[in-house]
N, C-alpha and C. Protein backbone atom coordinates (compact mmCIF):
# COMPACT_ATOMS: atom_id res chain seq x y z
N UNK A 1 -20.67 9.27 134.72
CA UNK A 1 -20.51 7.95 134.15
C UNK A 1 -19.22 7.33 134.68
N UNK A 2 -19.33 6.20 135.30
CA UNK A 2 -18.19 5.53 135.90
C UNK A 2 -17.68 4.45 134.96
N UNK A 3 -16.37 4.43 134.80
CA UNK A 3 -15.76 3.42 133.96
C UNK A 3 -15.80 2.08 134.69
N UNK A 4 -16.19 1.04 133.99
CA UNK A 4 -16.29 -0.27 134.59
C UNK A 4 -14.92 -0.92 134.64
N UNK A 5 -14.59 -1.50 135.79
CA UNK A 5 -13.31 -2.19 135.94
C UNK A 5 -13.38 -3.55 135.27
N UNK A 6 -12.25 -4.00 134.76
CA UNK A 6 -12.21 -5.31 134.13
C UNK A 6 -12.16 -6.39 135.21
N UNK A 7 -12.68 -7.56 134.89
CA UNK A 7 -12.71 -8.66 135.84
C UNK A 7 -11.30 -9.16 136.15
N UNK A 8 -10.42 -9.12 135.17
CA UNK A 8 -9.04 -9.56 135.36
C UNK A 8 -8.10 -8.35 135.30
N UNK A 9 -7.66 -7.87 136.45
CA UNK A 9 -6.76 -6.72 136.45
C UNK A 9 -5.48 -7.02 135.67
N UNK A 10 -4.97 -6.01 135.02
CA UNK A 10 -3.78 -6.21 134.19
C UNK A 10 -2.55 -6.48 135.05
N UNK A 11 -1.59 -7.13 134.43
CA UNK A 11 -0.31 -7.42 135.08
C UNK A 11 0.59 -6.20 134.99
N UNK A 12 1.21 -5.86 136.12
CA UNK A 12 2.23 -4.81 136.16
C UNK A 12 3.57 -5.52 136.27
N UNK A 13 4.46 -5.23 135.34
CA UNK A 13 5.81 -5.80 135.37
C UNK A 13 6.77 -4.71 135.80
N UNK A 14 7.45 -4.94 136.92
CA UNK A 14 8.41 -3.98 137.46
C UNK A 14 9.81 -4.47 137.15
N UNK A 15 10.58 -3.65 136.45
CA UNK A 15 11.97 -3.97 136.13
C UNK A 15 12.87 -3.04 136.94
N UNK A 16 13.48 -3.59 137.99
CA UNK A 16 14.32 -2.79 138.90
C UNK A 16 15.33 -3.72 139.55
N UNK A 17 16.60 -3.33 139.52
CA UNK A 17 17.64 -4.19 140.07
C UNK A 17 17.79 -4.08 141.58
N UNK A 18 17.22 -3.06 142.20
CA UNK A 18 17.39 -2.84 143.64
C UNK A 18 16.30 -3.55 144.42
N UNK A 19 16.69 -4.55 145.22
CA UNK A 19 15.73 -5.35 145.99
C UNK A 19 14.90 -4.48 146.94
N UNK A 20 15.52 -3.49 147.56
CA UNK A 20 14.78 -2.60 148.47
C UNK A 20 13.73 -1.80 147.70
N UNK A 21 14.09 -1.30 146.52
CA UNK A 21 13.13 -0.56 145.70
C UNK A 21 11.98 -1.45 145.25
N UNK A 22 12.29 -2.70 144.87
CA UNK A 22 11.23 -3.63 144.47
C UNK A 22 10.26 -3.86 145.63
N UNK A 23 10.81 -4.04 146.82
CA UNK A 23 9.97 -4.25 148.00
C UNK A 23 9.11 -3.02 148.30
N UNK A 24 9.73 -1.84 148.21
CA UNK A 24 8.97 -0.61 148.46
C UNK A 24 7.86 -0.41 147.43
N UNK A 25 8.15 -0.68 146.16
CA UNK A 25 7.13 -0.55 145.11
C UNK A 25 6.00 -1.53 145.37
N UNK A 26 6.35 -2.76 145.70
CA UNK A 26 5.35 -3.78 146.02
C UNK A 26 4.47 -3.32 147.19
N UNK A 27 5.12 -2.87 148.27
CA UNK A 27 4.37 -2.43 149.45
C UNK A 27 3.50 -1.21 149.15
N UNK A 28 4.03 -0.28 148.37
CA UNK A 28 3.27 0.94 148.04
C UNK A 28 2.04 0.59 147.20
N UNK A 29 2.19 -0.31 146.23
CA UNK A 29 1.05 -0.71 145.41
C UNK A 29 0.00 -1.45 146.26
N UNK A 30 0.47 -2.29 147.17
CA UNK A 30 -0.47 -2.99 148.06
C UNK A 30 -1.14 -2.03 149.04
N UNK A 31 -0.40 -1.03 149.49
CA UNK A 31 -0.96 -0.01 150.38
C UNK A 31 -2.15 0.69 149.71
N UNK A 32 -2.07 0.84 148.41
CA UNK A 32 -3.15 1.47 147.65
C UNK A 32 -4.23 0.48 147.22
N UNK A 33 -4.09 -0.75 147.66
CA UNK A 33 -5.07 -1.81 147.40
C UNK A 33 -5.32 -2.03 145.91
N UNK A 34 -4.25 -1.91 145.14
CA UNK A 34 -4.38 -2.22 143.72
C UNK A 34 -4.43 -3.74 143.57
N UNK A 35 -5.40 -4.22 142.88
CA UNK A 35 -5.61 -5.66 142.74
C UNK A 35 -4.81 -6.26 141.59
N UNK A 36 -3.91 -5.50 141.05
CA UNK A 36 -3.15 -5.96 139.89
C UNK A 36 -2.17 -7.06 140.25
N UNK A 37 -1.93 -7.92 139.28
CA UNK A 37 -0.92 -8.96 139.38
C UNK A 37 0.44 -8.28 139.21
N UNK A 38 1.32 -8.42 140.20
CA UNK A 38 2.65 -7.80 140.14
C UNK A 38 3.69 -8.85 139.82
N UNK A 39 4.57 -8.52 138.88
CA UNK A 39 5.70 -9.38 138.52
C UNK A 39 6.95 -8.52 138.58
N UNK A 40 8.08 -9.13 138.94
CA UNK A 40 9.32 -8.39 139.07
C UNK A 40 10.44 -9.07 138.32
N UNK A 41 11.28 -8.26 137.65
CA UNK A 41 12.52 -8.72 137.04
C UNK A 41 13.63 -7.78 137.48
N UNK A 42 14.87 -8.30 137.47
CA UNK A 42 15.98 -7.57 138.07
C UNK A 42 16.89 -6.82 137.10
N UNK A 43 16.76 -7.06 135.81
CA UNK A 43 17.59 -6.33 134.85
C UNK A 43 16.95 -6.36 133.47
N UNK A 44 17.53 -5.61 132.55
CA UNK A 44 16.97 -5.49 131.22
C UNK A 44 16.99 -6.77 130.41
N UNK A 45 17.99 -7.61 130.62
CA UNK A 45 18.05 -8.88 129.90
C UNK A 45 16.90 -9.79 130.33
N UNK A 46 16.66 -9.86 131.64
CA UNK A 46 15.56 -10.69 132.14
C UNK A 46 14.22 -10.09 131.71
N UNK A 47 14.13 -8.77 131.68
CA UNK A 47 12.92 -8.11 131.19
C UNK A 47 12.61 -8.57 129.77
N UNK A 48 13.61 -8.58 128.92
CA UNK A 48 13.39 -8.99 127.52
C UNK A 48 13.08 -10.48 127.44
N UNK A 49 13.71 -11.31 128.28
CA UNK A 49 13.38 -12.73 128.32
C UNK A 49 11.90 -12.90 128.66
N UNK A 50 11.44 -12.15 129.66
CA UNK A 50 10.04 -12.23 130.07
C UNK A 50 9.12 -11.82 128.91
N UNK A 51 9.40 -10.67 128.32
CA UNK A 51 8.52 -10.15 127.27
C UNK A 51 8.53 -11.01 126.01
N UNK A 52 9.68 -11.61 125.71
CA UNK A 52 9.80 -12.43 124.50
C UNK A 52 9.59 -13.92 124.78
N UNK A 53 9.19 -14.23 126.01
CA UNK A 53 8.87 -15.60 126.43
C UNK A 53 10.02 -16.57 126.20
N UNK A 54 11.19 -16.18 126.71
CA UNK A 54 12.38 -17.02 126.58
C UNK A 54 12.69 -17.67 127.92
N UNK A 55 13.29 -18.85 127.86
CA UNK A 55 13.74 -19.54 129.07
C UNK A 55 12.59 -19.85 130.02
N UNK A 56 12.76 -19.48 131.28
CA UNK A 56 11.75 -19.82 132.29
C UNK A 56 10.45 -19.03 132.13
N UNK A 57 10.41 -18.10 131.17
CA UNK A 57 9.21 -17.29 130.94
C UNK A 57 8.40 -17.74 129.73
N UNK A 58 8.68 -18.94 129.23
CA UNK A 58 7.99 -19.45 128.03
C UNK A 58 6.48 -19.60 128.21
N UNK A 59 6.05 -19.98 129.40
CA UNK A 59 4.64 -20.27 129.65
C UNK A 59 3.85 -19.00 129.93
N UNK A 60 2.88 -18.67 129.07
CA UNK A 60 2.08 -17.46 129.28
C UNK A 60 1.22 -17.52 130.55
N UNK A 61 0.94 -18.72 131.04
CA UNK A 61 0.16 -18.85 132.27
C UNK A 61 0.94 -18.33 133.47
N UNK A 62 2.23 -18.64 133.53
CA UNK A 62 3.05 -18.21 134.66
C UNK A 62 3.76 -16.88 134.40
N UNK A 63 3.74 -16.42 133.16
CA UNK A 63 4.38 -15.15 132.79
C UNK A 63 3.45 -14.36 131.86
N UNK A 64 2.33 -13.87 132.41
CA UNK A 64 1.36 -13.17 131.56
C UNK A 64 1.93 -11.87 130.97
N UNK A 65 1.42 -11.54 129.79
CA UNK A 65 1.84 -10.29 129.14
C UNK A 65 1.45 -9.11 130.03
N UNK A 66 2.40 -8.23 130.30
CA UNK A 66 2.07 -7.08 131.15
C UNK A 66 1.23 -6.04 130.41
N UNK A 67 0.37 -5.38 131.15
CA UNK A 67 -0.40 -4.27 130.61
C UNK A 67 0.27 -2.95 130.91
N UNK A 68 1.30 -2.98 131.78
CA UNK A 68 2.06 -1.80 132.15
C UNK A 68 3.42 -2.25 132.66
N UNK A 69 4.47 -1.56 132.24
CA UNK A 69 5.82 -1.82 132.73
C UNK A 69 6.31 -0.60 133.50
N UNK A 70 6.79 -0.83 134.72
CA UNK A 70 7.49 0.20 135.49
C UNK A 70 8.97 -0.11 135.33
N UNK A 71 9.71 0.82 134.73
CA UNK A 71 11.07 0.56 134.28
C UNK A 71 12.08 1.47 134.95
N UNK A 72 13.06 0.86 135.62
CA UNK A 72 14.20 1.59 136.14
C UNK A 72 15.21 1.74 135.00
N UNK A 73 15.90 2.85 134.95
CA UNK A 73 16.87 3.05 133.88
C UNK A 73 18.23 2.44 134.19
N UNK A 74 18.63 2.50 135.44
CA UNK A 74 19.99 2.10 135.81
C UNK A 74 20.00 0.68 136.37
N UNK A 75 20.14 -0.28 135.45
CA UNK A 75 20.19 -1.69 135.81
C UNK A 75 21.41 -2.33 135.16
N UNK A 76 21.89 -3.45 135.73
CA UNK A 76 23.04 -4.13 135.13
C UNK A 76 22.65 -4.92 133.87
N UNK A 77 23.64 -5.42 133.21
CA UNK A 77 23.53 -6.23 131.99
C UNK A 77 22.96 -5.44 130.83
N UNK A 78 21.68 -5.16 130.85
CA UNK A 78 21.05 -4.31 129.83
C UNK A 78 20.27 -3.27 130.60
N UNK A 79 20.65 -2.00 130.44
CA UNK A 79 19.95 -0.98 131.24
C UNK A 79 18.58 -0.67 130.67
N UNK A 80 17.82 0.13 131.41
CA UNK A 80 16.46 0.45 131.02
C UNK A 80 16.35 1.17 129.69
N UNK A 81 17.36 1.98 129.36
CA UNK A 81 17.35 2.72 128.10
C UNK A 81 17.42 1.75 126.92
N UNK A 82 18.33 0.76 127.04
CA UNK A 82 18.49 -0.24 125.98
C UNK A 82 17.23 -1.10 125.85
N UNK A 83 16.68 -1.50 127.01
CA UNK A 83 15.46 -2.33 126.99
C UNK A 83 14.30 -1.54 126.38
N UNK A 84 14.17 -0.26 126.75
CA UNK A 84 13.11 0.58 126.22
C UNK A 84 13.20 0.67 124.70
N UNK A 85 14.41 0.88 124.20
CA UNK A 85 14.61 0.97 122.75
C UNK A 85 14.21 -0.34 122.06
N UNK A 86 14.58 -1.46 122.67
CA UNK A 86 14.25 -2.77 122.10
C UNK A 86 12.74 -3.03 122.13
N UNK A 87 12.09 -2.69 123.24
CA UNK A 87 10.64 -2.90 123.37
C UNK A 87 9.88 -2.05 122.36
N UNK A 88 10.21 -0.78 122.29
CA UNK A 88 9.47 0.11 121.39
C UNK A 88 9.81 -0.14 119.92
N UNK A 89 10.90 -0.86 119.66
CA UNK A 89 11.25 -1.23 118.29
C UNK A 89 10.65 -2.55 117.85
N UNK A 90 9.97 -3.24 118.78
CA UNK A 90 9.39 -4.54 118.47
C UNK A 90 7.89 -4.38 118.24
N UNK A 91 7.39 -4.68 117.03
CA UNK A 91 5.97 -4.49 116.73
C UNK A 91 5.02 -5.20 117.70
N UNK A 92 5.45 -6.33 118.26
CA UNK A 92 4.58 -7.09 119.17
C UNK A 92 4.59 -6.52 120.59
N UNK A 93 5.58 -5.71 120.92
CA UNK A 93 5.71 -5.21 122.29
C UNK A 93 5.49 -3.71 122.41
N UNK A 94 5.62 -2.97 121.31
CA UNK A 94 5.65 -1.51 121.39
C UNK A 94 4.39 -0.88 121.96
N UNK A 95 3.28 -1.61 121.95
CA UNK A 95 2.03 -1.07 122.48
C UNK A 95 1.90 -1.14 123.99
N UNK A 96 2.83 -1.83 124.65
CA UNK A 96 2.77 -1.92 126.12
C UNK A 96 3.19 -0.58 126.71
N UNK A 97 2.33 0.04 127.51
CA UNK A 97 2.71 1.31 128.14
C UNK A 97 3.89 1.12 129.11
N UNK A 98 4.81 2.06 129.07
CA UNK A 98 5.99 2.00 129.94
C UNK A 98 6.11 3.31 130.70
N UNK A 99 6.24 3.17 132.02
CA UNK A 99 6.49 4.32 132.90
C UNK A 99 7.89 4.14 133.46
N UNK A 100 8.77 5.08 133.16
CA UNK A 100 10.10 5.07 133.76
C UNK A 100 9.95 5.55 135.20
N UNK A 101 10.45 4.74 136.12
CA UNK A 101 10.46 5.07 137.54
C UNK A 101 11.90 4.87 137.99
N UNK A 102 12.63 5.97 138.11
CA UNK A 102 14.08 5.88 138.27
C UNK A 102 14.60 6.96 139.22
N UNK A 103 15.82 6.76 139.69
CA UNK A 103 16.46 7.78 140.53
C UNK A 103 17.05 8.89 139.68
N UNK A 104 17.19 8.67 138.40
CA UNK A 104 17.79 9.67 137.52
C UNK A 104 16.94 10.93 137.43
N UNK A 105 17.62 12.06 137.53
CA UNK A 105 16.95 13.34 137.32
C UNK A 105 17.57 14.05 136.12
N UNK A 106 18.41 13.32 135.38
CA UNK A 106 19.13 13.91 134.26
C UNK A 106 18.16 14.31 133.15
N UNK A 107 18.26 15.55 132.73
CA UNK A 107 17.40 16.05 131.66
C UNK A 107 17.59 15.23 130.39
N UNK A 108 18.81 14.78 130.15
CA UNK A 108 19.10 13.96 128.97
C UNK A 108 18.29 12.66 129.01
N UNK A 109 18.15 12.05 130.20
CA UNK A 109 17.36 10.82 130.32
C UNK A 109 15.88 11.09 130.04
N UNK A 110 15.38 12.21 130.52
CA UNK A 110 13.98 12.56 130.28
C UNK A 110 13.73 12.67 128.78
N UNK A 111 14.54 13.48 128.09
CA UNK A 111 14.37 13.67 126.65
C UNK A 111 14.57 12.37 125.88
N UNK A 112 15.63 11.64 126.22
CA UNK A 112 15.96 10.42 125.47
C UNK A 112 14.86 9.37 125.62
N UNK A 113 14.35 9.18 126.84
CA UNK A 113 13.32 8.16 127.02
C UNK A 113 12.02 8.54 126.31
N UNK A 114 11.67 9.81 126.32
CA UNK A 114 10.46 10.22 125.58
C UNK A 114 10.69 10.03 124.08
N UNK A 115 11.89 10.33 123.59
CA UNK A 115 12.20 10.10 122.18
C UNK A 115 12.07 8.62 121.82
N UNK A 116 12.37 7.74 122.77
CA UNK A 116 12.30 6.31 122.53
C UNK A 116 10.87 5.76 122.68
N UNK A 117 9.95 6.60 123.17
CA UNK A 117 8.56 6.18 123.23
C UNK A 117 8.00 5.89 124.61
N UNK A 118 8.71 6.28 125.67
CA UNK A 118 8.18 6.06 127.01
C UNK A 118 6.89 6.86 127.19
N UNK A 119 5.97 6.35 128.01
CA UNK A 119 4.70 7.02 128.22
C UNK A 119 4.77 8.07 129.32
N UNK A 120 5.59 7.82 130.34
CA UNK A 120 5.76 8.76 131.45
C UNK A 120 7.13 8.58 132.06
N UNK A 121 7.66 9.65 132.64
CA UNK A 121 8.95 9.62 133.32
C UNK A 121 8.75 10.17 134.72
N UNK A 122 9.04 9.35 135.73
CA UNK A 122 8.86 9.75 137.12
C UNK A 122 10.16 9.49 137.87
N UNK A 123 10.62 10.48 138.61
CA UNK A 123 11.78 10.29 139.47
C UNK A 123 11.32 9.65 140.76
N UNK A 124 12.01 8.57 141.15
CA UNK A 124 11.64 7.85 142.38
C UNK A 124 11.71 8.80 143.57
N UNK A 125 10.68 8.78 144.38
CA UNK A 125 10.71 9.61 145.58
C UNK A 125 11.63 9.00 146.64
N UNK A 126 12.01 9.82 147.60
CA UNK A 126 12.92 9.38 148.65
C UNK A 126 12.18 8.64 149.76
N UNK A 127 10.95 9.06 150.07
CA UNK A 127 10.23 8.47 151.19
C UNK A 127 9.16 7.48 150.73
N UNK A 128 8.83 6.55 151.62
CA UNK A 128 7.79 5.57 151.32
C UNK A 128 6.45 6.26 151.13
N UNK A 129 6.13 7.24 151.97
CA UNK A 129 4.85 7.95 151.85
C UNK A 129 4.70 8.61 150.48
N UNK A 130 5.79 9.19 150.00
CA UNK A 130 5.74 9.81 148.67
C UNK A 130 5.55 8.75 147.58
N UNK A 131 6.18 7.58 147.76
CA UNK A 131 6.01 6.50 146.79
C UNK A 131 4.57 5.99 146.80
N UNK A 132 3.97 5.90 147.98
CA UNK A 132 2.56 5.50 148.09
C UNK A 132 1.68 6.49 147.32
N UNK A 133 1.97 7.77 147.48
CA UNK A 133 1.21 8.80 146.77
C UNK A 133 1.36 8.68 145.25
N UNK A 134 2.58 8.47 144.80
CA UNK A 134 2.84 8.33 143.36
C UNK A 134 2.15 7.09 142.81
N UNK A 135 2.25 5.97 143.53
CA UNK A 135 1.62 4.75 143.02
C UNK A 135 0.09 4.86 143.05
N UNK A 136 -0.45 5.62 144.00
CA UNK A 136 -1.89 5.86 144.02
C UNK A 136 -2.30 6.61 142.75
N UNK A 137 -1.53 7.66 142.43
CA UNK A 137 -1.83 8.45 141.23
C UNK A 137 -1.63 7.61 139.96
N UNK A 138 -0.57 6.80 139.92
CA UNK A 138 -0.33 5.92 138.78
C UNK A 138 -1.50 4.95 138.61
N UNK A 139 -1.91 4.34 139.71
CA UNK A 139 -3.02 3.39 139.64
C UNK A 139 -4.29 4.04 139.15
N UNK A 140 -4.58 5.20 139.68
CA UNK A 140 -5.80 5.91 139.26
C UNK A 140 -5.73 6.25 137.77
N UNK A 141 -4.60 6.80 137.35
CA UNK A 141 -4.46 7.20 135.95
C UNK A 141 -4.53 5.99 135.01
N UNK A 142 -3.65 4.98 135.24
CA UNK A 142 -3.52 3.88 134.30
C UNK A 142 -4.66 2.88 134.35
N UNK A 143 -5.34 2.77 135.50
CA UNK A 143 -6.36 1.73 135.62
C UNK A 143 -7.77 2.25 135.79
N UNK A 144 -7.94 3.55 135.96
CA UNK A 144 -9.29 4.11 136.07
C UNK A 144 -9.60 5.14 134.99
N UNK A 145 -8.59 5.87 134.54
CA UNK A 145 -8.84 6.98 133.62
C UNK A 145 -8.60 6.59 132.17
N UNK A 146 -7.40 6.09 131.87
CA UNK A 146 -7.09 5.79 130.46
C UNK A 146 -7.63 4.43 130.05
N UNK A 147 -7.80 4.26 128.77
CA UNK A 147 -8.23 2.98 128.19
C UNK A 147 -6.97 2.29 127.67
N UNK A 148 -6.69 1.10 128.17
CA UNK A 148 -5.52 0.36 127.74
C UNK A 148 -5.93 -0.74 126.78
N UNK A 149 -5.05 -1.07 125.83
CA UNK A 149 -5.36 -2.17 124.92
C UNK A 149 -5.31 -3.50 125.69
N UNK A 150 -6.08 -4.45 125.28
CA UNK A 150 -6.09 -5.76 125.92
C UNK A 150 -5.33 -6.75 125.05
N UNK A 151 -4.47 -7.55 125.72
CA UNK A 151 -3.74 -8.59 125.00
C UNK A 151 -2.55 -8.04 124.36
């Protein structure tokens, strides 16, 4: 039995302050031919503005609610840990799945983010090929295997 794909692929919101990492994530997802709408923010404050529809993100047409967030932990202004705590503490946002994708390998970060409600913790790979492999697995898991809530 094959799971039927939705007509409107979910939006993936990537929160990462490193322009090179954002480009690599974008390229890796496209390499895997994921048809998802990709959106990018550069820090935790902008992430929260997007999710709470503040400022330039007020319009849901141009800033759709993400079905998955890829979150870097080490960002300026408000880091990923603080943003994660705020998202999971908000009844309207806590249901959005979050995958930490970070350079951190600290055991404390792994435990702390899971305690805060993260769905998965992945250490960013060093090579583009490895990132393509990880994003392929992420795409398969999040968009073909699991059932995500809509809206």
